[in-house]
Amino acid sequence: MFILYTGKLDIRFGIRDLIKAFNDIDDSEFVLWICGFGLDRIFVEEAAKKDKRIIYWGVVEQKHVFEMQQQATLLVNPRKGHEEYTKYSFPSKTMEYMASGTPTIMYKLPGLPIEYEEYLVLLPDNSQETLTAILKQWGSKTQAELYEFGEKAKRFILENKNSEIQASRLMNFIKHS
């Protein structure tokens, strides 16, 4: 059971919260893979030394990151929506994660369009306890349940948010502006 985080290692993006929530899971079957670089690299390296279930891969080539996303059981974006900029941002990581076909756990960010909600595992509050509980809950689902959920998200992205459709929407917007 592999949980994967890829991205910037920074307290603002929730890496410390993810590690603390993961540490509260008392199950040797759970493994946390972390890829990325940032101000909290030392924190991540120290956490990996303390808990052998945490594996820090460092900076990984994008091609390999996508392979890891497909191998993982769950993908996590632990960024919380309490900062002002999250009202106007949509993390590209969300689409990348969804396109992998692996279920994505994240907080409901203010900038997240409602149409994405049914394809994501959204945390109902910002507590570390909730993150731990959801990781445990989804980590205990069957492979078939995880596959079905992840595939629905993947189809949504590939069929509705691909580059051709997005370019067409942009052109229509420009034409009618």
Foldseek 3Di string as FASTA:
>chain_A
DEEEEEDEDDVQFPPVLLLVLVVPDPDLVYAYEYEEYYPCPVVLVVSCVVDVSYHYPYHDDPVVVLVVLLVGQEYEREREAPDPCLLPDDDPVVLSSLLSLFAYEYADHNNDDPVLVQLHNHQPDNDSNSVSVVCVVSVPDDPVVRNVSSVVSNCCCVVQPDPVNVVVVVVVVVVVD
